[in-house]
Amino acid sequence: MSFEPATDAPTIATSIARFAGVDEAGRGPLAGPVVVAAVVFATGRTPINGLADSKQLQAERREELFGRIVERAIAYKIVSVEVDDIDRLNIYHATMLGMRLAVEGVLHACEFARIDGNAIPRDLPCRGEAIIGGDASERAIMAASILAKVTRDRQMVELHRQWPQYGFDEHKGYSTPQHLAALRAHGPCPQHRRSFAPVREALQGTLLPLMPLGAEPVGA
């Protein structure tokens, strides 16, 4: 998988063509998939009020908007890149793979893609433009961020049912103190990303215990 930064890509006029907004959820967690979504709206006014970056919305509001997006978008595609691929490719390239597959899924409905962030997959099947902070400024990207976030949160709740000892339903796989403590106590499960340092350390028995705030390691 190859990629290229999009800093030199020419700005594409969104007023003359339909485009896919693309965003991801779950690059940072220690467990679970990374999820990418692409959303295409009709040109003109977006037919959904209340769109925003998914991180700025309460879970109940994201769920409500998820239904509206799915109903009113011309096309959408949600792709989950699983842990095995994340560990095989690394998280960055796994995300690039998800972006390409998501755009391929809506290519029949758009002419180009606008992607949140600062890089695009080199093998994107259409013209692409990366927008830093696009999930706060571009409504199709906002919609994609909501689809990706809601889908991933649902998946992590399902994983919690299989491995309740980790608390995936609460922290969604992020490296919270609760999650790190569970890793120390139980070791990784099959949904933990072995390519991430805290998971490797838990496998090797070298994940350091939690320390009180302000305390210094022995020998520091």
N, C-alpha and C. Protein backbone atom coordinates (compact mmCIF):
# COMPACT_ATOMS: atom_id res chain seq x y z
N MET A 1 0.85 -1.18 0.00
CA MET A 1 0.00 0.00 0.00
C MET A 1 0.88 1.23 0.00
N SER A 2 0.59 2.17 -0.87
CA SER A 2 1.37 3.39 -0.94
C SER A 2 0.46 4.59 -0.72
N PHE A 3 1.07 5.70 -0.39
CA PHE A 3 0.29 6.90 -0.14
C PHE A 3 1.13 8.09 -0.52
N GLU A 4 0.46 9.24 -0.61
CA GLU A 4 1.21 10.46 -0.92
C GLU A 4 0.57 11.61 -0.16
N PRO A 5 1.37 12.55 0.31
CA PRO A 5 0.81 13.73 0.95
C PRO A 5 0.04 14.55 -0.07
N ALA A 6 -0.98 15.25 0.39
CA ALA A 6 -1.84 15.97 -0.54
C ALA A 6 -1.60 17.47 -0.51
N THR A 7 -0.48 17.89 0.05
CA THR A 7 -0.25 19.31 0.19
C THR A 7 -0.12 20.01 -1.16
N ASP A 8 0.32 19.30 -2.18
CA ASP A 8 0.49 19.92 -3.50
C ASP A 8 -0.72 19.70 -4.42
N ALA A 9 -1.76 19.01 -3.92
CA ALA A 9 -2.92 18.75 -4.76
C ALA A 9 -3.69 20.04 -5.01
N PRO A 10 -4.11 20.30 -6.23
CA PRO A 10 -4.88 21.50 -6.51
C PRO A 10 -6.24 21.45 -5.83
N THR A 11 -6.71 22.60 -5.37
CA THR A 11 -8.04 22.68 -4.79
C THR A 11 -9.08 22.41 -5.86
N ILE A 12 -10.05 21.57 -5.52
CA ILE A 12 -11.07 21.18 -6.48
C ILE A 12 -12.35 21.93 -6.17
N ALA A 13 -12.95 22.52 -7.16
CA ALA A 13 -14.18 23.29 -6.95
C ALA A 13 -15.35 22.35 -6.69
N THR A 14 -15.86 22.38 -5.45
CA THR A 14 -16.94 21.46 -5.09
C THR A 14 -18.28 21.87 -5.70
N SER A 15 -18.38 23.08 -6.22
CA SER A 15 -19.66 23.54 -6.75
C SER A 15 -19.97 22.94 -8.11
N ILE A 16 -18.99 22.31 -8.76
CA ILE A 16 -19.24 21.84 -10.11
C ILE A 16 -19.30 20.32 -10.21
N ALA A 17 -19.12 19.63 -9.09
CA ALA A 17 -19.11 18.17 -9.15
C ALA A 17 -19.49 17.60 -7.80
N ARG A 18 -20.08 16.42 -7.82
CA ARG A 18 -20.37 15.73 -6.56
C ARG A 18 -19.08 15.10 -6.04
N PHE A 19 -18.91 15.11 -4.74
CA PHE A 19 -17.71 14.55 -4.14
C PHE A 19 -18.08 13.69 -2.93
N ALA A 20 -17.19 12.81 -2.58
CA ALA A 20 -17.32 12.00 -1.38
C ALA A 20 -16.54 12.64 -0.25
N GLY A 21 -17.18 12.81 0.89
CA GLY A 21 -16.47 13.19 2.11
C GLY A 21 -16.01 11.92 2.81
N VAL A 22 -14.77 11.90 3.27
CA VAL A 22 -14.18 10.69 3.82
C VAL A 22 -13.54 11.00 5.17
N ASP A 23 -13.81 10.13 6.15
CA ASP A 23 -13.17 10.27 7.45
C ASP A 23 -13.08 8.90 8.12
N GLU A 24 -12.28 8.82 9.18
CA GLU A 24 -12.06 7.56 9.88
C GLU A 24 -12.33 7.72 11.37
N ALA A 25 -12.46 6.58 12.04
CA ALA A 25 -12.54 6.52 13.49
C ALA A 25 -11.72 5.34 13.96
N GLY A 26 -10.91 5.54 14.99
CA GLY A 26 -10.22 4.41 15.59
C GLY A 26 -8.79 4.21 15.19
N ARG A 27 -8.08 5.26 14.81
CA ARG A 27 -6.65 5.08 14.53
C ARG A 27 -5.84 4.90 15.80
N GLY A 28 -6.25 5.55 16.88
CA GLY A 28 -5.45 5.57 18.08
C GLY A 28 -5.64 4.44 19.07
N PRO A 29 -6.77 3.76 19.12
CA PRO A 29 -7.00 2.74 20.16
C PRO A 29 -6.03 1.57 20.09
N LEU A 30 -5.96 0.85 21.19
CA LEU A 30 -5.12 -0.34 21.29
C LEU A 30 -5.82 -1.60 20.80
N ALA A 31 -7.11 -1.51 20.55
CA ALA A 31 -7.88 -2.69 20.18
C ALA A 31 -8.99 -2.32 19.21
N GLY A 32 -9.44 -3.33 18.47
CA GLY A 32 -10.56 -3.16 17.56
C GLY A 32 -10.14 -2.61 16.20
N PRO A 33 -11.10 -2.55 15.28
CA PRO A 33 -10.80 -2.11 13.91
C PRO A 33 -10.63 -0.61 13.81
N VAL A 34 -10.07 -0.17 12.68
CA VAL A 34 -10.19 1.22 12.26
C VAL A 34 -11.29 1.24 11.21
N VAL A 35 -12.21 2.20 11.34
CA VAL A 35 -13.38 2.26 10.47
C VAL A 35 -13.32 3.54 9.65
N VAL A 36 -13.56 3.39 8.36
CA VAL A 36 -13.56 4.53 7.44
C VAL A 36 -14.90 4.60 6.74
N ALA A 37 -15.43 5.81 6.58
CA ALA A 37 -16.69 6.01 5.87
C ALA A 37 -16.53 7.06 4.78
N ALA A 38 -17.29 6.88 3.71
CA ALA A 38 -17.38 7.87 2.63
C ALA A 38 -18.85 8.20 2.44
N VAL A 39 -19.16 9.48 2.28
CA VAL A 39 -20.54 9.94 2.12
C VAL A 39 -20.63 10.91 0.96
N VAL A 40 -21.64 10.72 0.12
CA VAL A 40 -21.89 11.62 -1.01
C VAL A 40 -23.27 12.24 -0.84
N PHE A 41 -23.33 13.55 -0.83
CA PHE A 41 -24.59 14.27 -0.83
C PHE A 41 -24.82 14.89 -2.21
N ALA A 42 -26.08 15.21 -2.50
CA ALA A 42 -26.38 15.96 -3.72
C ALA A 42 -25.74 17.34 -3.64
N THR A 43 -25.40 17.91 -4.77
CA THR A 43 -24.84 19.26 -4.78
C THR A 43 -25.89 20.23 -4.26
N GLY A 44 -25.41 21.32 -3.67
CA GLY A 44 -26.34 22.28 -3.09
C GLY A 44 -26.41 22.12 -1.58
N ARG A 45 -27.49 22.54 -1.00
CA ARG A 45 -27.66 22.53 0.45
C ARG A 45 -27.73 21.10 0.97
N THR A 46 -26.93 20.79 1.99
CA THR A 46 -26.95 19.46 2.60
C THR A 46 -28.29 19.23 3.29
N PRO A 47 -28.96 18.10 3.04
CA PRO A 47 -30.33 17.90 3.52
C PRO A 47 -30.42 17.43 4.97
N ILE A 48 -29.44 17.79 5.80
CA ILE A 48 -29.42 17.37 7.20
C ILE A 48 -28.94 18.52 8.06
N ASN A 49 -29.71 18.88 9.07
CA ASN A 49 -29.29 19.91 10.01
C ASN A 49 -28.56 19.27 11.18
N GLY A 50 -27.66 20.03 11.78
CA GLY A 50 -27.00 19.58 13.00
C GLY A 50 -25.73 18.79 12.80
N LEU A 51 -25.23 18.70 11.57
CA LEU A 51 -23.98 17.98 11.35
C LEU A 51 -22.82 18.71 12.02
N ALA A 52 -21.89 17.93 12.54
CA ALA A 52 -20.68 18.47 13.17
C ALA A 52 -19.66 17.35 13.23
N ASP A 53 -18.44 17.70 13.62
CA ASP A 53 -17.43 16.69 13.88
C ASP A 53 -17.98 15.72 14.92
N SER A 54 -17.89 14.42 14.66
CA SER A 54 -18.49 13.43 15.54
C SER A 54 -17.97 13.53 16.97
N LYS A 55 -16.72 13.99 17.13
CA LYS A 55 -16.14 14.09 18.47
C LYS A 55 -16.80 15.17 19.30
N GLN A 56 -17.50 16.09 18.64
CA GLN A 56 -18.17 17.18 19.35
C GLN A 56 -19.62 16.86 19.69
N LEU A 57 -20.09 15.69 19.34
CA LEU A 57 -21.49 15.32 19.53
C LEU A 57 -21.63 14.24 20.60
N GLN A 58 -22.73 14.31 21.33
CA GLN A 58 -23.05 13.25 22.27
C GLN A 58 -23.43 11.98 21.51
N ALA A 59 -23.25 10.83 22.16
CA ALA A 59 -23.51 9.54 21.50
C ALA A 59 -24.94 9.45 20.99
N GLU A 60 -25.90 9.92 21.78
CA GLU A 60 -27.31 9.85 21.36
C GLU A 60 -27.55 10.67 20.11
N ARG A 61 -26.90 11.84 20.02
CA ARG A 61 -27.05 12.69 18.84
C ARG A 61 -26.40 12.06 17.62
N ARG A 62 -25.25 11.42 17.81
CA ARG A 62 -24.60 10.74 16.69
C ARG A 62 -25.50 9.63 16.15
N GLU A 63 -26.12 8.87 17.02
CA GLU A 63 -27.01 7.80 16.58
C GLU A 63 -28.18 8.36 15.78
N GLU A 64 -28.73 9.45 16.24
CA GLU A 64 -29.85 10.07 15.52
C GLU A 64 -29.42 10.54 14.13
N LEU A 65 -28.26 11.19 14.06
CA LEU A 65 -27.79 11.69 12.77
C LEU A 65 -27.38 10.54 11.85
N PHE A 66 -26.89 9.45 12.41
CA PHE A 66 -26.53 8.28 11.60
C PHE A 66 -27.70 7.87 10.72
N GLY A 67 -28.88 7.73 11.30
CA GLY A 67 -30.06 7.33 10.53
C GLY A 67 -30.41 8.31 9.44
N ARG A 68 -30.28 9.59 9.74
CA ARG A 68 -30.61 10.61 8.73
C ARG A 68 -29.60 10.60 7.59
N ILE A 69 -28.34 10.42 7.92
CA ILE A 69 -27.31 10.39 6.87
C ILE A 69 -27.54 9.21 5.93
N VAL A 70 -27.74 8.04 6.50
CA VAL A 70 -27.96 6.84 5.69
C VAL A 70 -29.19 6.99 4.80
N GLU A 71 -30.21 7.65 5.32
CA GLU A 71 -31.46 7.83 4.57
C GLU A 71 -31.34 8.86 3.46
N ARG A 72 -30.56 9.91 3.68
CA ARG A 72 -30.60 11.07 2.77
C ARG A 72 -29.37 11.23 1.89
N ALA A 73 -28.32 10.49 2.15
CA ALA A 73 -27.15 10.56 1.27
C ALA A 73 -27.45 9.90 -0.07
N ILE A 74 -26.85 10.41 -1.12
CA ILE A 74 -26.95 9.75 -2.42
C ILE A 74 -26.26 8.39 -2.38
N ALA A 75 -25.13 8.35 -1.68
CA ALA A 75 -24.39 7.09 -1.54
C ALA A 75 -23.53 7.17 -0.29
N TYR A 76 -23.29 6.02 0.32
CA TYR A 76 -22.35 5.96 1.44
C TYR A 76 -21.74 4.57 1.48
N LYS A 77 -20.56 4.50 2.07
CA LYS A 77 -19.86 3.22 2.24
C LYS A 77 -19.09 3.26 3.55
N ILE A 78 -19.21 2.18 4.32
CA ILE A 78 -18.50 2.06 5.59
C ILE A 78 -17.60 0.83 5.50
N VAL A 79 -16.32 1.01 5.81
CA VAL A 79 -15.33 -0.07 5.72
C VAL A 79 -14.65 -0.24 7.07
N SER A 80 -14.59 -1.46 7.55
CA SER A 80 -13.85 -1.78 8.76
C SER A 80 -12.58 -2.54 8.38
N VAL A 81 -11.44 -2.01 8.78
CA VAL A 81 -10.17 -2.70 8.57
C VAL A 81 -9.81 -3.36 9.89
N GLU A 82 -9.72 -4.68 9.89
CA GLU A 82 -9.62 -5.43 11.12
C GLU A 82 -8.19 -5.47 11.66
N VAL A 83 -8.08 -5.99 12.88
CA VAL A 83 -6.83 -5.96 13.62
C VAL A 83 -5.71 -6.68 12.87
N ASP A 84 -6.01 -7.81 12.24
CA ASP A 84 -4.96 -8.54 11.51
C ASP A 84 -4.33 -7.66 10.43
N ASP A 85 -5.16 -6.91 9.71
CA ASP A 85 -4.63 -6.02 8.67
C ASP A 85 -3.88 -4.84 9.27
N ILE A 86 -4.38 -4.33 10.39
CA ILE A 86 -3.67 -3.23 11.06
C ILE A 86 -2.26 -3.66 11.45
N ASP A 87 -2.15 -4.87 12.03
CA ASP A 87 -0.83 -5.35 12.46
C ASP A 87 0.05 -5.70 11.27
N ARG A 88 -0.55 -6.14 10.18
CA ARG A 88 0.23 -6.50 9.00
C ARG A 88 0.74 -5.28 8.26
N LEU A 89 -0.10 -4.25 8.14
CA LEU A 89 0.23 -3.08 7.32
C LEU A 89 0.81 -1.92 8.13
N ASN A 90 0.49 -1.82 9.37
CA ASN A 90 0.59 -0.73 10.34
C ASN A 90 -0.66 0.14 10.23
N ILE A 91 -0.94 0.90 11.28
CA ILE A 91 -2.22 1.60 11.37
C ILE A 91 -2.38 2.66 10.27
N TYR A 92 -1.28 3.30 9.90
CA TYR A 92 -1.38 4.34 8.87
C TYR A 92 -1.80 3.74 7.53
N HIS A 93 -1.10 2.73 7.11
CA HIS A 93 -1.42 2.13 5.83
C HIS A 93 -2.76 1.39 5.86
N ALA A 94 -3.13 0.86 7.01
CA ALA A 94 -4.46 0.25 7.12
C ALA A 94 -5.55 1.29 6.94
N THR A 95 -5.32 2.49 7.47
CA THR A 95 -6.28 3.58 7.28
C THR A 95 -6.35 3.99 5.81
N MET A 96 -5.21 4.06 5.15
CA MET A 96 -5.20 4.38 3.73
C MET A 96 -5.97 3.33 2.92
N LEU A 97 -5.81 2.07 3.29
CA LEU A 97 -6.56 1.00 2.63
C LEU A 97 -8.05 1.20 2.83
N GLY A 98 -8.46 1.50 4.04
CA GLY A 98 -9.88 1.74 4.30
C GLY A 98 -10.43 2.91 3.51
N MET A 99 -9.64 3.96 3.37
CA MET A 99 -10.08 5.12 2.60
C MET A 99 -10.30 4.75 1.14
N ARG A 100 -9.35 4.00 0.59
CA ARG A 100 -9.49 3.61 -0.82
C ARG A 100 -10.74 2.76 -1.03
N LEU A 101 -10.95 1.79 -0.16
CA LEU A 101 -12.11 0.90 -0.31
C LEU A 101 -13.42 1.66 -0.11
N ALA A 102 -13.44 2.60 0.82
CA ALA A 102 -14.66 3.38 1.04
C ALA A 102 -15.00 4.22 -0.19
N VAL A 103 -13.97 4.86 -0.78
CA VAL A 103 -14.22 5.68 -1.97
C VAL A 103 -14.65 4.80 -3.14
N GLU A 104 -14.03 3.63 -3.29
CA GLU A 104 -14.46 2.73 -4.35
C GLU A 104 -15.94 2.38 -4.23
N GLY A 105 -16.44 2.32 -3.00
CA GLY A 105 -17.82 1.95 -2.79
C GLY A 105 -18.83 3.01 -3.18
N VAL A 106 -18.38 4.26 -3.34
CA VAL A 106 -19.31 5.34 -3.73
C VAL A 106 -18.89 5.97 -5.05
N LEU A 107 -17.97 5.37 -5.74
CA LEU A 107 -17.41 5.97 -6.95
C LEU A 107 -18.47 6.19 -8.03
N HIS A 108 -19.52 5.37 -8.02
CA HIS A 108 -20.58 5.52 -9.02
C HIS A 108 -21.36 6.82 -8.83
N ALA A 109 -21.20 7.47 -7.65
CA ALA A 109 -22.02 8.63 -7.34
C ALA A 109 -21.23 9.93 -7.21
N CYS A 110 -19.92 9.88 -7.41
CA CYS A 110 -19.12 11.09 -7.21
C CYS A 110 -17.99 11.17 -8.22
N GLU A 111 -17.40 12.36 -8.33
CA GLU A 111 -16.31 12.60 -9.26
C GLU A 111 -14.96 12.68 -8.56
N PHE A 112 -14.96 13.01 -7.27
CA PHE A 112 -13.70 13.10 -6.54
C PHE A 112 -13.98 12.95 -5.05
N ALA A 113 -12.92 12.92 -4.25
CA ALA A 113 -13.05 12.71 -2.81
C ALA A 113 -12.35 13.82 -2.05
N ARG A 114 -12.95 14.21 -0.94
CA ARG A 114 -12.32 15.13 0.00
C ARG A 114 -12.14 14.38 1.31
N ILE A 115 -10.90 14.30 1.78
CA ILE A 115 -10.53 13.44 2.89
C ILE A 115 -10.03 14.28 4.06
N ASP A 116 -10.52 13.97 5.25
CA ASP A 116 -10.04 14.66 6.43
C ASP A 116 -8.60 14.26 6.72
N GLY A 117 -7.73 15.25 6.94
CA GLY A 117 -6.34 14.94 7.26
C GLY A 117 -5.39 15.61 6.28
N ASN A 118 -4.18 15.08 6.22
CA ASN A 118 -3.14 15.70 5.38
C ASN A 118 -2.54 14.76 4.35
N ALA A 119 -3.17 13.60 4.12
CA ALA A 119 -2.64 12.66 3.12
C ALA A 119 -3.78 11.88 2.50
N ILE A 120 -3.56 11.42 1.29
CA ILE A 120 -4.54 10.59 0.59
C ILE A 120 -3.85 9.34 0.05
N PRO A 121 -4.60 8.25 -0.12
CA PRO A 121 -3.98 7.06 -0.72
C PRO A 121 -3.55 7.33 -2.14
N ARG A 122 -2.38 6.86 -2.51
CA ARG A 122 -1.91 7.06 -3.88
C ARG A 122 -2.79 6.31 -4.87
N ASP A 123 -3.33 5.15 -4.43
CA ASP A 123 -4.14 4.35 -5.34
C ASP A 123 -5.63 4.66 -5.23
N LEU A 124 -5.96 5.86 -4.78
CA LEU A 124 -7.36 6.30 -4.76
C LEU A 124 -7.90 6.24 -6.19
N PRO A 125 -9.13 5.72 -6.38
CA PRO A 125 -9.62 5.52 -7.75
C PRO A 125 -10.18 6.77 -8.41
N CYS A 126 -9.98 7.93 -7.80
CA CYS A 126 -10.44 9.19 -8.40
C CYS A 126 -9.54 10.30 -7.86
N ARG A 127 -9.79 11.50 -8.31
CA ARG A 127 -9.04 12.62 -7.77
C ARG A 127 -9.38 12.80 -6.30
N GLY A 128 -8.39 13.22 -5.53
CA GLY A 128 -8.61 13.40 -4.11
C GLY A 128 -7.97 14.67 -3.59
N GLU A 129 -8.55 15.18 -2.51
CA GLU A 129 -8.03 16.38 -1.86
C GLU A 129 -8.10 16.16 -0.35
N ALA A 130 -6.99 16.36 0.33
CA ALA A 130 -6.97 16.23 1.78
C ALA A 130 -7.19 17.60 2.41
N ILE A 131 -7.98 17.63 3.47
CA ILE A 131 -8.31 18.88 4.15
C ILE A 131 -8.05 18.70 5.64
N ILE A 132 -7.06 19.40 6.15
CA ILE A 132 -6.79 19.37 7.58
C ILE A 132 -7.95 20.05 8.30
N GLY A 133 -8.53 19.36 9.27
CA GLY A 133 -9.69 19.89 9.97
C GLY A 133 -10.97 19.81 9.16
N GLY A 134 -10.98 18.96 8.16
CA GLY A 134 -12.17 18.86 7.31
C GLY A 134 -13.40 18.37 8.04
N ASP A 135 -13.21 17.62 9.14
CA ASP A 135 -14.36 17.14 9.88
C ASP A 135 -15.05 18.25 10.67
N ALA A 136 -14.46 19.44 10.67
CA ALA A 136 -15.09 20.58 11.32
C ALA A 136 -15.57 21.63 10.33
N SER A 137 -15.27 21.43 9.03
CA SER A 137 -15.59 22.47 8.06
C SER A 137 -16.37 21.97 6.85
N GLU A 138 -16.30 20.71 6.54
CA GLU A 138 -16.92 20.15 5.33
C GLU A 138 -18.02 19.18 5.74
N ARG A 139 -19.26 19.46 5.32
CA ARG A 139 -20.40 18.72 5.86
C ARG A 139 -20.41 17.24 5.45
N ALA A 140 -19.95 16.93 4.26
CA ALA A 140 -19.89 15.52 3.86
C ALA A 140 -18.85 14.77 4.69
N ILE A 141 -17.76 15.44 5.05
CA ILE A 141 -16.76 14.82 5.91
C ILE A 141 -17.31 14.66 7.32
N MET A 142 -18.05 15.66 7.81
CA MET A 142 -18.71 15.52 9.11
C MET A 142 -19.61 14.28 9.12
N ALA A 143 -20.37 14.12 8.05
CA ALA A 143 -21.28 12.96 7.97
C ALA A 143 -20.49 11.66 7.97
N ALA A 144 -19.38 11.64 7.24
CA ALA A 144 -18.55 10.44 7.22
C ALA A 144 -17.97 10.15 8.60
N SER A 145 -17.58 11.19 9.31
CA SER A 145 -17.02 10.98 10.65
C SER A 145 -18.07 10.39 11.59
N ILE A 146 -19.32 10.78 11.43
CA ILE A 146 -20.40 10.25 12.26
C ILE A 146 -20.66 8.79 11.93
N LEU A 147 -20.72 8.45 10.65
CA LEU A 147 -20.94 7.05 10.27
C LEU A 147 -19.81 6.17 10.79
N ALA A 148 -18.58 6.64 10.65
CA ALA A 148 -17.44 5.84 11.10
C ALA A 148 -17.45 5.68 12.62
N LYS A 149 -17.70 6.76 13.34
CA LYS A 149 -17.66 6.72 14.80
C LYS A 149 -18.78 5.84 15.36
N VAL A 150 -20.00 6.01 14.87
CA VAL A 150 -21.12 5.21 15.38
C VAL A 150 -20.89 3.74 15.07
N THR A 151 -20.44 3.44 13.86
CA THR A 151 -20.19 2.04 13.49
C THR A 151 -19.13 1.42 14.39
N ARG A 152 -18.06 2.13 14.60
CA ARG A 152 -16.99 1.56 15.43
C ARG A 152 -17.44 1.40 16.88
N ASP A 153 -18.16 2.39 17.41
CA ASP A 153 -18.64 2.27 18.80
C ASP A 153 -19.54 1.05 18.95
N ARG A 154 -20.40 0.81 17.98
CA ARG A 154 -21.26 -0.38 18.03
C ARG A 154 -20.43 -1.66 18.02
N GLN A 155 -19.40 -1.68 17.20
CA GLN A 155 -18.54 -2.86 17.12
C GLN A 155 -17.82 -3.10 18.45
N MET A 156 -17.39 -2.03 19.10
CA MET A 156 -16.69 -2.20 20.37
C MET A 156 -17.64 -2.69 21.47
N VAL A 157 -18.90 -2.31 21.41
CA VAL A 157 -19.88 -2.84 22.36
C VAL A 157 -20.05 -4.35 22.13
N GLU A 158 -20.06 -4.75 20.87
CA GLU A 158 -20.14 -6.19 20.57
C GLU A 158 -18.90 -6.93 21.08
N LEU A 159 -17.73 -6.33 20.91
CA LEU A 159 -16.52 -6.96 21.42
C LEU A 159 -16.54 -7.07 22.94
N HIS A 160 -17.17 -6.11 23.59
CA HIS A 160 -17.29 -6.17 25.05
C HIS A 160 -18.07 -7.41 25.48
N ARG A 161 -19.05 -7.79 24.69
CA ARG A 161 -19.83 -8.98 25.04
C ARG A 161 -18.97 -10.25 24.98
N GLN A 162 -17.98 -10.25 24.11
CA GLN A 162 -17.09 -11.40 24.01
C GLN A 162 -15.97 -11.37 25.05
N TRP A 163 -15.47 -10.16 25.34
CA TRP A 163 -14.36 -10.01 26.29
C TRP A 163 -14.70 -8.91 27.29
N PRO A 164 -15.64 -9.17 28.19
CA PRO A 164 -16.11 -8.12 29.11
C PRO A 164 -15.05 -7.63 30.09
N GLN A 165 -13.99 -8.41 30.29
CA GLN A 165 -12.99 -8.03 31.29
C GLN A 165 -12.20 -6.79 30.91
N TYR A 166 -12.27 -6.36 29.64
CA TYR A 166 -11.48 -5.20 29.22
C TYR A 166 -12.25 -3.88 29.27
N GLY A 167 -13.57 -3.92 29.32
CA GLY A 167 -14.35 -2.68 29.36
C GLY A 167 -14.43 -1.95 28.04
N PHE A 168 -14.42 -2.69 26.93
CA PHE A 168 -14.46 -2.06 25.61
C PHE A 168 -15.68 -1.16 25.41
N ASP A 169 -16.79 -1.47 26.08
CA ASP A 169 -17.99 -0.66 25.92
C ASP A 169 -17.83 0.73 26.49
N GLU A 170 -16.87 0.89 27.42
CA GLU A 170 -16.66 2.20 28.03
C GLU A 170 -15.60 3.01 27.30
N HIS A 171 -14.42 2.44 27.12
CA HIS A 171 -13.31 3.22 26.57
C HIS A 171 -13.09 3.00 25.07
N LYS A 172 -13.83 2.05 24.48
CA LYS A 172 -13.78 1.78 23.04
C LYS A 172 -12.37 1.41 22.54
N GLY A 173 -11.56 0.87 23.44
CA GLY A 173 -10.24 0.41 23.04
C GLY A 173 -9.12 1.40 23.24
N TYR A 174 -9.44 2.63 23.66
CA TYR A 174 -8.39 3.63 23.87
C TYR A 174 -7.58 3.29 25.12
N SER A 175 -6.41 3.89 25.25
CA SER A 175 -5.47 3.53 26.31
C SER A 175 -5.77 4.29 27.59
N THR A 176 -6.94 4.05 28.15
CA THR A 176 -7.32 4.64 29.43
C THR A 176 -6.66 3.87 30.57
N PRO A 177 -6.59 4.45 31.75
CA PRO A 177 -6.06 3.68 32.89
C PRO A 177 -6.82 2.37 33.12
N GLN A 178 -8.13 2.39 32.94
CA GLN A 178 -8.92 1.16 33.10
C GLN A 178 -8.47 0.09 32.10
N HIS A 179 -8.26 0.49 30.86
CA HIS A 179 -7.87 -0.46 29.82
C HIS A 179 -6.46 -1.00 30.08
N LEU A 180 -5.54 -0.13 30.42
CA LEU A 180 -4.18 -0.57 30.68
C LEU A 180 -4.12 -1.51 31.88
N ALA A 181 -4.94 -1.23 32.89
CA ALA A 181 -4.99 -2.13 34.05
C ALA A 181 -5.50 -3.51 33.65
N ALA A 182 -6.51 -3.54 32.77
CA ALA A 182 -7.05 -4.82 32.30
C ALA A 182 -6.02 -5.57 31.47
N LEU A 183 -5.24 -4.85 30.68
CA LEU A 183 -4.17 -5.49 29.90
C LEU A 183 -3.15 -6.15 30.83
N ARG A 184 -2.80 -5.45 31.89
CA ARG A 184 -1.85 -6.03 32.84
C ARG A 184 -2.42 -7.27 33.51
N ALA A 185 -3.70 -7.20 33.85
CA ALA A 185 -4.31 -8.30 34.61
C ALA A 185 -4.58 -9.52 33.75
N HIS A 186 -5.00 -9.31 32.50
CA HIS A 186 -5.51 -10.41 31.67
C HIS A 186 -4.66 -10.69 30.44
N GLY A 187 -3.75 -9.79 30.10
CA GLY A 187 -3.04 -9.94 28.84
C GLY A 187 -3.94 -9.55 27.67
N PRO A 188 -3.40 -9.48 26.46
CA PRO A 188 -4.21 -9.09 25.30
C PRO A 188 -5.18 -10.19 24.88
N CYS A 189 -6.27 -9.77 24.26
CA CYS A 189 -7.20 -10.69 23.60
C CYS A 189 -6.94 -10.63 22.10
N PRO A 190 -7.61 -11.47 21.30
CA PRO A 190 -7.34 -11.45 19.84
C PRO A 190 -7.65 -10.12 19.16
N GLN A 191 -8.42 -9.24 19.79
CA GLN A 191 -8.76 -7.96 19.18
C GLN A 191 -7.79 -6.85 19.56
N HIS A 192 -6.76 -7.15 20.31
CA HIS A 192 -5.74 -6.15 20.61
C HIS A 192 -4.71 -6.08 19.50
N ARG A 193 -4.23 -4.88 19.24
CA ARG A 193 -3.30 -4.62 18.15
C ARG A 193 -1.86 -4.89 18.61
N ARG A 194 -1.31 -5.99 18.17
CA ARG A 194 0.04 -6.37 18.59
C ARG A 194 1.10 -5.39 18.10
N SER A 195 0.79 -4.59 17.10
CA SER A 195 1.75 -3.62 16.58
C SER A 195 1.81 -2.35 17.43
N PHE A 196 0.97 -2.25 18.46
CA PHE A 196 0.97 -1.09 19.35
C PHE A 196 1.79 -1.42 20.60
N ALA A 197 2.63 -0.48 21.02
CA ALA A 197 3.61 -0.74 22.08
C ALA A 197 3.00 -1.25 23.38
N PRO A 198 1.93 -0.66 23.92
CA PRO A 198 1.41 -1.18 25.19
C PRO A 198 0.93 -2.63 25.10
N VAL A 199 0.43 -3.04 23.94
CA VAL A 199 -0.02 -4.42 23.77
C VAL A 199 1.20 -5.35 23.71
N ARG A 200 2.24 -4.95 22.97
CA ARG A 200 3.47 -5.74 22.94
C ARG A 200 4.05 -5.89 24.35
N GLU A 201 4.05 -4.80 25.10
CA GLU A 201 4.60 -4.84 26.45
C GLU A 201 3.77 -5.77 27.35
N ALA A 202 2.45 -5.75 27.16
CA ALA A 202 1.61 -6.65 27.95
C ALA A 202 1.90 -8.11 27.60
N LEU A 203 2.14 -8.38 26.32
CA LEU A 203 2.49 -9.74 25.91
C LEU A 203 3.81 -10.18 26.53
N GLN A 204 4.75 -9.25 26.63
CA GLN A 204 6.08 -9.56 27.14
C GLN A 204 6.18 -9.46 28.66
N GLY A 205 5.07 -9.01 29.29
CA GLY A 205 5.09 -8.85 30.73
C GLY A 205 5.87 -7.65 31.20
N THR A 206 6.09 -6.66 30.31
CA THR A 206 6.88 -5.49 30.68
C THR A 206 6.06 -4.21 30.75
N LEU A 207 4.72 -4.32 30.64
CA LEU A 207 3.87 -3.14 30.75
C LEU A 207 3.93 -2.65 32.19
N LEU A 208 4.42 -1.44 32.39
CA LEU A 208 4.65 -0.94 33.74
C LEU A 208 3.34 -0.74 34.48
N PRO A 209 3.33 -0.94 35.78
CA PRO A 209 2.11 -0.71 36.55
C PRO A 209 1.76 0.77 36.59
N LEU A 210 0.48 1.06 36.84
CA LEU A 210 0.06 2.44 37.01
C LEU A 210 0.72 3.02 38.25
N MET A 211 1.10 4.29 38.17
CA MET A 211 1.74 4.97 39.29
C MET A 211 0.87 6.12 39.74
N PRO A 212 0.91 6.46 41.04
CA PRO A 212 0.17 7.63 41.50
C PRO A 212 0.64 8.89 40.78
N LEU A 213 -0.29 9.80 40.57
CA LEU A 213 0.03 11.04 39.88
C LEU A 213 1.16 11.77 40.61
N GLY A 214 2.21 12.10 39.87
CA GLY A 214 3.33 12.81 40.45
C GLY A 214 4.43 11.94 40.98
N ALA A 215 4.18 10.62 41.06
CA ALA A 215 5.22 9.71 41.57
C ALA A 215 6.27 9.47 40.51
N GLU A 216 7.48 9.14 40.91
CA GLU A 216 8.57 8.87 39.97
C GLU A 216 8.92 7.38 40.00
N PRO A 217 9.26 6.81 38.84
CA PRO A 217 9.66 5.40 38.82
C PRO A 217 10.87 5.15 39.71
N VAL A 218 10.95 3.94 40.24
CA VAL A 218 12.10 3.57 41.06
C VAL A 218 13.36 3.65 40.20
N GLY A 219 14.38 4.29 40.73
CA GLY A 219 15.63 4.40 40.00
C GLY A 219 15.70 5.58 39.07
N ALA A 220 14.62 6.40 39.02
CA ALA A 220 14.63 7.56 38.13
C ALA A 220 15.58 8.64 38.65
